[in-house]
Amino acid sequence: MSMAVVGLVAGMALGFAGYFGGFGAFVLVAALGAIGFVAGRFLDGDLEPGDFFRGRERGDRRR
């Protein structure tokens, strides 16, 4: 499935949640979608748990 289709489905889900459930449902669906996205990246092997907890090294500073 292409990223455009995934974005379309996510946008439609957020739209339905916002329309039928109000702003609280919209935020809940968005938060759960973000958690699912991160979990999927972990399962695909694109992220490692240490990526969130490791500090930047001195050579990695960006301005």
N, C-alpha and C. Protein backbone atom coordinates (compact mmCIF):
# COMPACT_ATOMS: atom_id res chain seq x y z
N MET A 1 0.85 -1.17 0.00
CA MET A 1 0.00 0.00 0.00
C MET A 1 0.90 1.24 0.00
N SER A 2 0.60 2.18 -0.86
CA SER A 2 1.44 3.36 -0.97
C SER A 2 1.17 4.33 0.19
N MET A 3 2.12 5.21 0.41
CA MET A 3 1.97 6.18 1.50
C MET A 3 0.82 7.15 1.24
N ALA A 4 0.50 7.40 -0.03
CA ALA A 4 -0.63 8.27 -0.35
C ALA A 4 -1.95 7.63 0.10
N VAL A 5 -2.08 6.33 -0.10
CA VAL A 5 -3.29 5.63 0.33
C VAL A 5 -3.37 5.59 1.85
N VAL A 6 -2.24 5.35 2.51
CA VAL A 6 -2.22 5.35 3.97
C VAL A 6 -2.61 6.73 4.50
N GLY A 7 -2.09 7.78 3.90
CA GLY A 7 -2.46 9.13 4.31
C GLY A 7 -3.92 9.43 4.08
N LEU A 8 -4.47 8.94 2.96
CA LEU A 8 -5.88 9.13 2.67
C LEU A 8 -6.75 8.44 3.71
N VAL A 9 -6.42 7.21 4.05
CA VAL A 9 -7.19 6.46 5.05
C VAL A 9 -7.09 7.14 6.41
N ALA A 10 -5.90 7.58 6.79
CA ALA A 10 -5.74 8.26 8.08
C ALA A 10 -6.53 9.56 8.10
N GLY A 11 -6.49 10.31 7.03
CA GLY A 11 -7.24 11.55 6.97
C GLY A 11 -8.74 11.33 7.04
N MET A 12 -9.21 10.29 6.37
CA MET A 12 -10.63 9.98 6.43
C MET A 12 -11.05 9.55 7.82
N ALA A 13 -10.22 8.75 8.49
CA ALA A 13 -10.53 8.33 9.85
C ALA A 13 -10.59 9.53 10.79
N LEU A 14 -9.64 10.44 10.65
CA LEU A 14 -9.65 11.63 11.49
C LEU A 14 -10.86 12.52 11.17
N GLY A 15 -11.22 12.60 9.91
CA GLY A 15 -12.39 13.38 9.53
C GLY A 15 -13.67 12.82 10.11
N PHE A 16 -13.85 11.51 10.01
CA PHE A 16 -15.04 10.89 10.59
C PHE A 16 -15.07 11.05 12.10
N ALA A 17 -13.93 10.88 12.75
CA ALA A 17 -13.88 11.03 14.20
C ALA A 17 -14.21 12.46 14.61
N GLY A 18 -13.70 13.42 13.88
CA GLY A 18 -13.99 14.82 14.19
C GLY A 18 -15.43 15.19 13.95
N TYR A 19 -16.01 14.65 12.88
CA TYR A 19 -17.39 14.99 12.53
C TYR A 19 -18.39 14.33 13.48
N PHE A 20 -18.22 13.04 13.74
CA PHE A 20 -19.19 12.31 14.54
C PHE A 20 -18.90 12.34 16.03
N GLY A 21 -17.65 12.49 16.42
CA GLY A 21 -17.32 12.40 17.83
C GLY A 21 -16.86 13.69 18.46
N GLY A 22 -16.63 14.72 17.68
CA GLY A 22 -16.17 15.99 18.22
C GLY A 22 -14.66 16.04 18.31
N PHE A 23 -14.20 17.12 18.93
CA PHE A 23 -12.75 17.36 18.99
C PHE A 23 -12.03 16.33 19.84
N GLY A 24 -12.65 15.86 20.93
CA GLY A 24 -12.02 14.86 21.79
C GLY A 24 -11.75 13.56 21.04
N ALA A 25 -12.72 13.13 20.24
CA ALA A 25 -12.54 11.91 19.45
C ALA A 25 -11.47 12.12 18.39
N PHE A 26 -11.43 13.32 17.80
CA PHE A 26 -10.40 13.64 16.81
C PHE A 26 -9.01 13.51 17.42
N VAL A 27 -8.81 14.07 18.60
CA VAL A 27 -7.50 14.01 19.27
C VAL A 27 -7.16 12.58 19.65
N LEU A 28 -8.15 11.82 20.13
CA LEU A 28 -7.91 10.42 20.50
C LEU A 28 -7.48 9.60 19.29
N VAL A 29 -8.17 9.76 18.18
CA VAL A 29 -7.82 9.01 16.97
C VAL A 29 -6.43 9.42 16.47
N ALA A 30 -6.13 10.71 16.53
CA ALA A 30 -4.81 11.18 16.09
C ALA A 30 -3.70 10.61 16.98
N ALA A 31 -3.91 10.59 18.30
CA ALA A 31 -2.91 10.07 19.22
C ALA A 31 -2.71 8.56 19.02
N LEU A 32 -3.80 7.83 18.89
CA LEU A 32 -3.68 6.39 18.68
C LEU A 32 -3.05 6.08 17.32
N GLY A 33 -3.31 6.90 16.33
CA GLY A 33 -2.67 6.73 15.03
C GLY A 33 -1.17 6.95 15.11
N ALA A 34 -0.76 7.95 15.88
CA ALA A 34 0.67 8.21 16.05
C ALA A 34 1.35 7.07 16.78
N ILE A 35 0.69 6.55 17.81
CA ILE A 35 1.25 5.41 18.55
C ILE A 35 1.36 4.19 17.63
N GLY A 36 0.35 3.95 16.83
CA GLY A 36 0.38 2.83 15.89
C GLY A 36 1.47 3.00 14.85
N PHE A 37 1.67 4.23 14.40
CA PHE A 37 2.74 4.50 13.42
C PHE A 37 4.11 4.17 14.02
N VAL A 38 4.35 4.63 15.23
CA VAL A 38 5.65 4.37 15.88
C VAL A 38 5.81 2.87 16.13
N ALA A 39 4.75 2.20 16.56
CA ALA A 39 4.83 0.75 16.78
C ALA A 39 5.13 0.02 15.48
N GLY A 40 4.52 0.46 14.39
CA GLY A 40 4.80 -0.15 13.09
C GLY A 40 6.23 0.06 12.65
N ARG A 41 6.77 1.24 12.92
CA ARG A 41 8.18 1.50 12.57
C ARG A 41 9.10 0.60 13.38
N PHE A 42 8.76 0.37 14.67
CA PHE A 42 9.56 -0.55 15.49
C PHE A 42 9.52 -1.96 14.90
N LEU A 43 8.33 -2.40 14.53
CA LEU A 43 8.18 -3.76 14.01
C LEU A 43 8.86 -3.92 12.66
N ASP A 44 8.92 -2.87 11.86
CA ASP A 44 9.61 -2.92 10.58
C ASP A 44 11.13 -2.87 10.74
N GLY A 45 11.58 -2.47 11.92
CA GLY A 45 13.01 -2.37 12.17
C GLY A 45 13.60 -1.02 11.81
N ASP A 46 12.76 -0.03 11.54
CA ASP A 46 13.26 1.30 11.18
C ASP A 46 13.67 2.11 12.41
N LEU A 47 13.14 1.77 13.56
CA LEU A 47 13.46 2.48 14.81
C LEU A 47 13.93 1.48 15.85
N GLU A 48 14.72 1.97 16.78
CA GLU A 48 15.14 1.17 17.92
C GLU A 48 14.73 1.91 19.18
N PRO A 49 14.43 1.19 20.26
CA PRO A 49 14.00 1.87 21.49
C PRO A 49 15.02 2.89 22.00
N GLY A 50 16.28 2.66 21.80
CA GLY A 50 17.32 3.57 22.26
C GLY A 50 17.31 4.90 21.53
N ASP A 51 16.67 4.97 20.36
CA ASP A 51 16.62 6.22 19.60
C ASP A 51 15.89 7.32 20.37
N PHE A 52 14.95 6.95 21.22
CA PHE A 52 14.19 7.95 21.97
C PHE A 52 14.89 8.37 23.26
N PHE A 53 15.76 7.51 23.80
CA PHE A 53 16.34 7.76 25.11
C PHE A 53 17.80 8.16 25.07
N ARG A 54 18.42 8.04 23.93
CA ARG A 54 19.84 8.36 23.80
C ARG A 54 19.99 9.85 23.51
N GLY A 55 20.87 10.50 24.22
CA GLY A 55 21.13 11.91 23.98
C GLY A 55 21.97 12.11 22.73
N ARG A 56 21.94 13.32 22.20
CA ARG A 56 22.75 13.61 21.03
C ARG A 56 24.21 13.76 21.44
N GLU A 57 25.09 13.34 20.57
CA GLU A 57 26.50 13.49 20.83
C GLU A 57 26.92 14.88 20.39
N ARG A 58 28.08 15.31 20.84
CA ARG A 58 28.52 16.69 20.57
C ARG A 58 28.65 16.99 19.09
N GLY A 59 28.98 16.02 18.29
CA GLY A 59 29.14 16.25 16.85
C GLY A 59 27.81 16.33 16.10
N ASP A 60 26.71 16.00 16.76
CA ASP A 60 25.41 15.95 16.09
C ASP A 60 24.60 17.22 16.27
N ARG A 61 25.17 18.26 16.82
CA ARG A 61 24.40 19.50 17.08
C ARG A 61 24.01 20.16 15.77
N ARG A 62 22.77 20.63 15.72
CA ARG A 62 22.28 21.35 14.55
C ARG A 62 21.82 22.72 15.00
N ARG A 63 22.03 23.69 14.15
CA ARG A 63 21.61 25.06 14.50
C ARG A 63 20.59 25.55 13.54
